[in-house]
Amino acid sequence: MATDLYVVLETPNSGALKYLLGDNIAVDNTSTFLLPKEKQSSESFSSTHNTFVYWEAKHNEPLNFKLPSEASENKIFLFFSPFFDLSTQFEVLLETLEKESFQLIRILAFIDANVLESISGNFLGWMDAIAHFSDAICITNRTNQNGKYANELIKRYEQMRYPVETYILSVTNRRKMANVLNPRTRRISHAFDSSEMLEEEDTPQNDPYLRKLSNGKREKTIPIPFKI
């Protein structure tokens, strides 16, 4: 039986882990959280029910999302790093899905509304890639001051007719998390669809963010707008 896998994309300080743990949906199911190494020191959290494992991108070594043998077979949340090339992380995810008995349920994005007040071209390029791969975009830390920018981001993808769901999450009201975690696929990318259902142009190798040109570069490069 395949293990349910959720992939989490996030901006720094999005609070994604806090929402997933605090909602009790993950806690009650004794899930495994596979986190980038930098979160071990940047966020404090505790849970008596869940397992926390860390992956690290080492110089000149292949990226590896390998889970320990004692990992939960119930639900796994794999967090990507915002400080590392997203295309490479998605490639490794594809390789992992081929080797392991995981069932990708959803790709979730958590965006700190505070970063939207002074966005750059690099951030928009990164964000467009996030919207391309994600089934749901969750905006956190919304305030009266940054609410305008959060609404503009949501409107951007509505106008572009992206199928991705969008949510504004509140610490005091987490009922939306059940909808965020539902298994409905809403992403544009077909890279993770069943091969039996794919047309040739929809294969992972033809996804614009994964396809490599003859010179070795991606057809569409995803910027890295954040620094550790």
C-alpha atoms as a PDB file:
ATOM      1  CA  MET A   1       0.000   0.000   0.000  1.00  0.00           C
ATOM      2  CA  ALA A   2       1.410   3.380  -1.016  1.00  0.00           C
ATOM      3  CA  THR A   3       2.212   5.999   1.619  1.00  0.00           C
ATOM      4  CA  ASP A   4       0.469   9.362   1.208  1.00  0.00           C
ATOM      5  CA  LEU A   5       2.950  12.114   0.391  1.00  0.00           C
ATOM      6  CA  TYR A   6       2.436  15.861   0.576  1.00  0.00           C
ATOM      7  CA  VAL A   7       5.095  18.220  -0.771  1.00  0.00           C
ATOM      8  CA  VAL A   8       5.390  21.599   0.934  1.00  0.00           C
ATOM      9  CA  LEU A   9       6.857  24.655  -0.811  1.00  0.00           C
ATOM     10  CA  GLU A  10       7.284  27.798   1.256  1.00  0.00           C
ATOM     11  CA  THR A  11       8.821  31.193   1.689  1.00  0.00           C
ATOM     12  CA  PRO A  12      11.000  31.657   4.787  1.00  0.00           C
ATOM     13  CA  ASN A  13       8.909  32.365   7.909  1.00  0.00           C
ATOM     14  CA  SER A  14       5.689  31.133   6.313  1.00  0.00           C
ATOM     15  CA  GLY A  15       4.801  29.087   9.382  1.00  0.00           C
ATOM     16  CA  ALA A  16       3.834  26.057   7.271  1.00  0.00           C
ATOM     17  CA  LEU A  17       5.036  23.575   9.868  1.00  0.00           C
ATOM     18  CA  LYS A  18       3.135  25.396  12.597  1.00  0.00           C
ATOM     19  CA  TYR A  19      -0.105  25.189  10.641  1.00  0.00           C
ATOM     20  CA  LEU A  20       0.313  21.506   9.814  1.00  0.00           C
ATOM     21  CA  LEU A  21       1.157  20.571  13.390  1.00  0.00           C
ATOM     22  CA  GLY A  22      -1.302  22.904  15.062  1.00  0.00           C
ATOM     23  CA  ASP A  23      -4.264  21.721  13.047  1.00  0.00           C
ATOM     24  CA  ASN A  24      -4.130  18.232  14.612  1.00  0.00           C
ATOM     25  CA  ILE A  25      -4.760  16.656  11.217  1.00  0.00           C
ATOM     26  CA  ALA A  26      -1.116  15.700  10.980  1.00  0.00           C
ATOM     27  CA  VAL A  27      -0.562  15.138  14.696  1.00  0.00           C
ATOM     28  CA  ASP A  28      -3.391  12.630  15.092  1.00  0.00           C
ATOM     29  CA  ASN A  29      -2.038  10.566  12.219  1.00  0.00           C
ATOM     30  CA  THR A  30       1.540  10.341  13.548  1.00  0.00           C
ATOM     31  CA  SER A  31       3.100  11.693  10.386  1.00  0.00           C
ATOM     32  CA  THR A  32       6.702  11.949   9.251  1.00  0.00           C
ATOM     33  CA  PHE A  33       8.069  15.407   8.394  1.00  0.00           C
ATOM     34  CA  LEU A  34      11.078  15.415   6.082  1.00  0.00           C
ATOM     35  CA  LEU A  35      12.594  18.887   6.472  1.00  0.00           C
ATOM     36  CA  PRO A  36      15.552  20.797   5.015  1.00  0.00           C
ATOM     37  CA  LYS A  37      18.449  21.017   7.451  1.00  0.00           C
ATOM     38  CA  GLU A  38      18.148  24.789   7.927  1.00  0.00           C
ATOM     39  CA  LYS A  39      14.755  24.362   9.641  1.00  0.00           C
ATOM     40  CA  GLN A  40      16.382  22.416  12.471  1.00  0.00           C
ATOM     41  CA  SER A  41      17.837  25.625  13.891  1.00  0.00           C
ATOM     42  CA  SER A  42      15.450  28.243  12.495  1.00  0.00           C
ATOM     43  CA  GLU A  43      12.177  26.903  13.905  1.00  0.00           C
ATOM     44  CA  SER A  44      11.285  25.507  17.302  1.00  0.00           C
ATOM     45  CA  PHE A  45       8.529  22.908  17.479  1.00  0.00           C
ATOM     46  CA  SER A  46       7.673  19.809  19.396  1.00  0.00           C
ATOM     47  CA  SER A  47       5.330  16.880  18.984  1.00  0.00           C
ATOM     48  CA  THR A  48       5.076  13.580  20.786  1.00  0.00           C
ATOM     49  CA  HIS A  49       3.283  11.967  17.844  1.00  0.00           C
ATOM     50  CA  ASN A  50       5.350  12.867  14.798  1.00  0.00           C
ATOM     51  CA  THR A  51       8.746  11.960  13.414  1.00  0.00           C
ATOM     52  CA  PHE A  52      11.119  14.695  12.194  1.00  0.00           C
ATOM     53  CA  VAL A  53      13.855  13.827   9.704  1.00  0.00           C
ATOM     54  CA  TYR A  54      16.234  16.250   7.971  1.00  0.00           C
ATOM     55  CA  TRP A  55      17.710  16.332   4.486  1.00  0.00           C
ATOM     56  CA  GLU A  56      20.710  18.415   3.483  1.00  0.00           C
ATOM     57  CA  ALA A  57      22.013  19.715   0.163  1.00  0.00           C
ATOM     58  CA  LYS A  58      25.755  19.065   0.253  1.00  0.00           C
ATOM     59  CA  HIS A  59      28.201  20.567  -2.207  1.00  0.00           C
ATOM     60  CA  ASN A  60      29.087  18.183  -5.075  1.00  0.00           C
ATOM     61  CA  GLU A  61      26.791  15.459  -3.693  1.00  0.00           C
ATOM     62  CA  PRO A  62      23.476  14.329  -5.212  1.00  0.00           C
ATOM     63  CA  LEU A  63      20.395  15.551  -3.405  1.00  0.00           C
ATOM     64  CA  ASN A  64      18.647  12.754  -1.529  1.00  0.00           C
ATOM     65  CA  PHE A  65      15.183  12.656   0.050  1.00  0.00           C
ATOM     66  CA  LYS A  66      15.784   9.174   1.496  1.00  0.00           C
ATOM     67  CA  LEU A  67      13.506   8.340   4.414  1.00  0.00           C
ATOM     68  CA  PRO A  68      14.613   6.194   7.354  1.00  0.00           C
ATOM     69  CA  SER A  69      13.130   2.716   7.673  1.00  0.00           C
ATOM     70  CA  GLU A  70      11.171   3.720  10.792  1.00  0.00           C
ATOM     71  CA  ALA A  71       9.314   6.499   8.952  1.00  0.00           C
ATOM     72  CA  SER A  72       5.555   6.517   9.314  1.00  0.00           C
ATOM     73  CA  GLU A  73       3.642   4.644   6.646  1.00  0.00           C
ATOM     74  CA  ASN A  74       0.624   6.854   7.203  1.00  0.00           C
ATOM     75  CA  LYS A  75       1.457  10.329   5.922  1.00  0.00           C
ATOM     76  CA  ILE A  76       4.657  12.101   4.924  1.00  0.00           C
ATOM     77  CA  PHE A  77       5.210  15.833   4.518  1.00  0.00           C
ATOM     78  CA  LEU A  78       8.282  16.577   2.406  1.00  0.00           C
ATOM     79  CA  PHE A  79       9.413  20.198   2.735  1.00  0.00           C
ATOM     80  CA  PHE A  80      11.436  21.679  -0.121  1.00  0.00           C
ATOM     81  CA  SER A  81      14.023  24.338   0.654  1.00  0.00           C
ATOM     82  CA  PRO A  82      13.404  27.890  -0.638  1.00  0.00           C
ATOM     83  CA  PHE A  83      17.192  28.380  -0.667  1.00  0.00           C
ATOM     84  CA  PHE A  84      17.896  25.625  -3.204  1.00  0.00           C
ATOM     85  CA  ASP A  85      17.002  25.228  -6.880  1.00  0.00           C
ATOM     86  CA  LEU A  86      13.361  24.117  -7.126  1.00  0.00           C
ATOM     87  CA  SER A  87      13.757  22.358 -10.482  1.00  0.00           C
ATOM     88  CA  THR A  88      16.455  20.109  -9.042  1.00  0.00           C
ATOM     89  CA  GLN A  89      14.281  19.321  -6.028  1.00  0.00           C
ATOM     90  CA  PHE A  90      11.378  18.374  -8.297  1.00  0.00           C
ATOM     91  CA  GLU A  91      13.658  16.139 -10.367  1.00  0.00           C
ATOM     92  CA  VAL A  92      14.794  14.317  -7.228  1.00  0.00           C
ATOM     93  CA  LEU A  93      11.167  13.990  -6.164  1.00  0.00           C
ATOM     94  CA  LEU A  94      10.355  12.311  -9.491  1.00  0.00           C
ATOM     95  CA  GLU A  95      13.255   9.894  -8.976  1.00  0.00           C
ATOM     96  CA  THR A  96      12.089   9.189  -5.413  1.00  0.00           C
ATOM     97  CA  LEU A  97       8.532   8.450  -6.556  1.00  0.00           C
ATOM     98  CA  GLU A  98       9.898   5.941  -9.081  1.00  0.00           C
ATOM     99  CA  LYS A  99      11.862   4.079  -6.398  1.00  0.00           C
ATOM    100  CA  GLU A 100       9.583   4.308  -3.357  1.00  0.00           C
ATOM    101  CA  SER A 101       5.935   3.356  -2.811  1.00  0.00           C
ATOM    102  CA  PHE A 102       4.671   6.896  -2.281  1.00  0.00           C
ATOM    103  CA  GLN A 103       1.448   8.359  -3.584  1.00  0.00           C
ATOM    104  CA  LEU A 104       1.742  12.096  -4.189  1.00  0.00           C
ATOM    105  CA  ILE A 105      -1.468  13.586  -2.804  1.00  0.00           C
ATOM    106  CA  ARG A 106      -0.851  17.313  -3.135  1.00  0.00           C
ATOM    107  CA  ILE A 107       1.793  19.996  -3.564  1.00  0.00           C
ATOM    108  CA  LEU A 108       1.129  22.814  -1.102  1.00  0.00           C
ATOM    109  CA  ALA A 109       2.657  26.301  -1.046  1.00  0.00           C
ATOM    110  CA  PHE A 110       2.776  28.516   2.055  1.00  0.00           C
ATOM    111  CA  ILE A 111       3.559  32.185   1.402  1.00  0.00           C
ATOM    112  CA  ASP A 112       4.395  34.712   4.126  1.00  0.00           C
ATOM    113  CA  ALA A 113       2.318  37.808   3.289  1.00  0.00           C
ATOM    114  CA  ASN A 114       5.059  40.031   4.709  1.00  0.00           C
ATOM    115  CA  VAL A 115       7.331  39.280   1.730  1.00  0.00           C
ATOM    116  CA  LEU A 116       4.686  40.576  -0.693  1.00  0.00           C
ATOM    117  CA  GLU A 117       5.108  44.231   0.272  1.00  0.00           C
ATOM    118  CA  SER A 118       8.373  44.615  -1.657  1.00  0.00           C
ATOM    119  CA  ILE A 119       8.500  41.854  -4.250  1.00  0.00           C
ATOM    120  CA  SER A 120      11.145  41.665  -6.968  1.00  0.00           C
ATOM    121  CA  GLY A 121      11.209  40.236 -10.460  1.00  0.00           C
ATOM    122  CA  ASN A 122      13.066  37.226  -9.076  1.00  0.00           C
ATOM    123  CA  PHE A 123      10.324  36.616  -6.543  1.00  0.00           C
ATOM    124  CA  LEU A 124       7.595  36.786  -9.201  1.00  0.00           C
ATOM    125  CA  GLY A 125       9.534  34.323 -11.349  1.00  0.00           C
ATOM    126  CA  TRP A 126       9.825  31.989  -8.350  1.00  0.00           C
ATOM    127  CA  MET A 127       6.163  32.526  -7.451  1.00  0.00           C
ATOM    128  CA  ASP A 128       4.949  31.749 -10.979  1.00  0.00           C
ATOM    129  CA  ALA A 129       6.822  28.447 -10.800  1.00  0.00           C
ATOM    130  CA  ILE A 130       5.236  27.765  -7.402  1.00  0.00           C
ATOM    131  CA  ALA A 131       1.779  28.399  -8.892  1.00  0.00           C
ATOM    132  CA  HIS A 132       2.637  26.113 -11.831  1.00  0.00           C
ATOM    133  CA  PHE A 133       3.423  23.134  -9.599  1.00  0.00           C
ATOM    134  CA  SER A 134       1.053  23.700  -6.656  1.00  0.00           C
ATOM    135  CA  ASP A 135      -2.440  22.443  -5.969  1.00  0.00           C
ATOM    136  CA  ALA A 136      -2.995  25.032  -3.238  1.00  0.00           C
ATOM    137  CA  ILE A 137      -1.375  28.330  -2.266  1.00  0.00           C
ATOM    138  CA  CYS A 138      -1.807  29.305   1.389  1.00  0.00           C
ATOM    139  CA  ILE A 139      -1.052  32.886   2.401  1.00  0.00           C
ATOM    140  CA  THR A 140      -0.066  33.309   6.045  1.00  0.00           C
ATOM    141  CA  ASN A 141       0.658  36.229   8.389  1.00  0.00           C
ATOM    142  CA  ARG A 142      -1.859  38.484   6.653  1.00  0.00           C
ATOM    143  CA  THR A 143      -2.369  41.871   8.341  1.00  0.00           C
ATOM    144  CA  ASN A 144      -4.165  45.103   7.539  1.00  0.00           C
ATOM    145  CA  GLN A 145      -0.852  46.431   6.258  1.00  0.00           C
ATOM    146  CA  ASN A 146      -0.022  43.605   3.834  1.00  0.00           C
ATOM    147  CA  GLY A 147      -3.582  42.495   3.016  1.00  0.00           C
ATOM    148  CA  LYS A 148      -3.638  44.518  -0.193  1.00  0.00           C
ATOM    149  CA  TYR A 149      -0.584  42.673  -1.526  1.00  0.00           C
ATOM    150  CA  ALA A 150      -1.974  39.285  -0.554  1.00  0.00           C
ATOM    151  CA  ASN A 151      -5.159  40.046  -2.469  1.00  0.00           C
ATOM    152  CA  GLU A 152      -3.138  41.191  -5.491  1.00  0.00           C
ATOM    153  CA  LEU A 153      -1.238  37.905  -5.522  1.00  0.00           C
ATOM    154  CA  ILE A 154      -4.455  35.913  -5.462  1.00  0.00           C
ATOM    155  CA  LYS A 155      -5.916  38.101  -8.219  1.00  0.00           C
ATOM    156  CA  ARG A 156      -2.779  37.585 -10.340  1.00  0.00           C
ATOM    157  CA  TYR A 157      -3.392  33.851 -10.684  1.00  0.00           C
ATOM    158  CA  GLU A 158      -7.127  34.232 -11.045  1.00  0.00           C
ATOM    159  CA  GLN A 159      -6.561  36.548 -14.005  1.00  0.00           C
ATOM    160  CA  MET A 160      -3.988  34.128 -15.451  1.00  0.00           C
ATOM    161  CA  ARG A 161      -6.643  31.397 -15.033  1.00  0.00           C
ATOM    162  CA  TYR A 162      -4.385  29.142 -13.002  1.00  0.00           C
ATOM    163  CA  PRO A 163      -6.393  26.250 -11.490  1.00  0.00           C
ATOM    164  CA  VAL A 164      -4.492  26.407  -8.170  1.00  0.00           C
ATOM    165  CA  GLU A 165      -6.626  26.926  -5.063  1.00  0.00           C
ATOM    166  CA  THR A 166      -5.802  29.940  -2.887  1.00  0.00           C
ATOM    167  CA  TYR A 167      -6.367  30.354   0.844  1.00  0.00           C
ATOM    168  CA  ILE A 168      -5.660  33.023   3.422  1.00  0.00           C
ATOM    169  CA  LEU A 169      -4.893  31.173   6.653  1.00  0.00           C
ATOM    170  CA  SER A 170      -5.371  32.462  10.165  1.00  0.00           C
ATOM    171  CA  VAL A 171      -3.804  31.113  13.344  1.00  0.00           C
ATOM    172  CA  THR A 172      -7.113  31.584  15.140  1.00  0.00           C
ATOM    173  CA  ASN A 173      -9.161  29.794  12.466  1.00  0.00           C
ATOM    174  CA  ARG A 174      -7.631  26.652  11.009  1.00  0.00           C
ATOM    175  CA  ARG A 175     -10.777  25.065   9.592  1.00  0.00           C
ATOM    176  CA  LYS A 176      -9.520  25.721   6.072  1.00  0.00           C
ATOM    177  CA  MET A 177      -6.712  23.203   6.577  1.00  0.00           C
ATOM    178  CA  ALA A 178      -9.066  20.297   5.859  1.00  0.00           C
ATOM    179  CA  ASN A 179      -9.671  21.803   2.407  1.00  0.00           C
ATOM    180  CA  VAL A 180      -5.969  22.496   1.919  1.00  0.00           C
ATOM    181  CA  LEU A 181      -5.152  18.824   2.530  1.00  0.00           C
ATOM    182  CA  ASN A 182      -7.926  17.357   0.386  1.00  0.00           C
ATOM    183  CA  PRO A 183      -6.649  15.101  -2.425  1.00  0.00           C
ATOM    184  CA  ARG A 184      -8.014  17.061  -5.392  1.00  0.00           C
ATOM    185  CA  THR A 185      -5.363  17.804  -8.038  1.00  0.00           C
ATOM    186  CA  ARG A 186      -5.312  21.434  -9.168  1.00  0.00           C
ATOM    187  CA  ARG A 187      -1.780  21.986 -10.482  1.00  0.00           C
ATOM    188  CA  ILE A 188      -0.929  23.006 -14.045  1.00  0.00           C
ATOM    189  CA  SER A 189       2.098  20.736 -14.266  1.00  0.00           C
ATOM    190  CA  HIS A 190       1.500  17.186 -15.495  1.00  0.00           C
ATOM    191  CA  ALA A 191       4.954  16.036 -14.404  1.00  0.00           C
ATOM    192  CA  PHE A 192       3.533  13.941 -11.556  1.00  0.00           C
ATOM    193  CA  ASP A 193       0.449  12.559 -13.299  1.00  0.00           C
ATOM    194  CA  SER A 194       0.165   8.865 -14.063  1.00  0.00           C
ATOM    195  CA  SER A 195       2.144   8.017 -17.192  1.00  0.00           C
ATOM    196  CA  GLU A 196      -0.847   6.052 -18.507  1.00  0.00           C
ATOM    197  CA  MET A 197      -2.860   9.269 -18.681  1.00  0.00           C
ATOM    198  CA  LEU A 198      -0.206  11.516 -20.193  1.00  0.00           C
ATOM    199  CA  GLU A 199       0.156  12.744 -23.733  1.00  0.00           C
ATOM    200  CA  GLU A 200       3.731  12.874 -25.019  1.00  0.00           C
ATOM    201  CA  GLU A 201       3.895  16.646 -24.593  1.00  0.00           C
ATOM    202  CA  ASP A 202       2.887  16.303 -20.930  1.00  0.00           C
ATOM    203  CA  THR A 203       5.742  14.067 -19.779  1.00  0.00           C
ATOM    204  CA  PRO A 204       8.050  15.321 -16.990  1.00  0.00           C
ATOM    205  CA  GLN A 205      10.815  15.885 -19.524  1.00  0.00           C
ATOM    206  CA  ASN A 206       8.582  18.353 -21.349  1.00  0.00           C
ATOM    207  CA  ASP A 207       7.568  20.422 -18.345  1.00  0.00           C
ATOM    208  CA  PRO A 208       9.007  23.896 -19.110  1.00  0.00           C
ATOM    209  CA  TYR A 209      10.611  24.146 -15.663  1.00  0.00           C
ATOM    210  CA  LEU A 210      12.204  20.685 -15.932  1.00  0.00           C
ATOM    211  CA  ARG A 211      13.096  20.452 -19.613  1.00  0.00           C
ATOM    212  CA  LYS A 212      16.760  20.969 -20.418  1.00  0.00           C
ATOM    213  CA  LEU A 213      17.978  22.524 -23.658  1.00  0.00           C
ATOM    214  CA  SER A 214      20.919  21.284 -25.679  1.00  0.00           C
ATOM    215  CA  ASN A 215      23.220  23.627 -23.759  1.00  0.00           C
ATOM    216  CA  GLY A 216      22.194  22.009 -20.460  1.00  0.00           C
ATOM    217  CA  LYS A 217      20.134  24.968 -19.219  1.00  0.00           C
ATOM    218  CA  ARG A 218      16.453  24.785 -18.329  1.00  0.00           C
ATOM    219  CA  GLU A 219      13.884  26.063 -20.791  1.00  0.00           C
ATOM    220  CA  LYS A 220      12.477  28.159 -17.920  1.00  0.00           C
ATOM    221  CA  THR A 221      14.808  28.880 -15.035  1.00  0.00           C
ATOM    222  CA  ILE A 222      13.364  29.292 -11.543  1.00  0.00           C
ATOM    223  CA  PRO A 223      15.105  32.116  -9.653  1.00  0.00           C
ATOM    224  CA  ILE A 224      16.141  31.740  -6.009  1.00  0.00           C
ATOM    225  CA  PRO A 225      15.017  35.025  -4.393  1.00  0.00           C
ATOM    226  CA  PHE A 226      15.876  34.072  -0.804  1.00  0.00           C
ATOM    227  CA  LYS A 227      19.134  33.857   1.114  1.00  0.00           C
ATOM    228  CA  ILE A 228      19.877  31.973   4.308  1.00  0.00           C
END
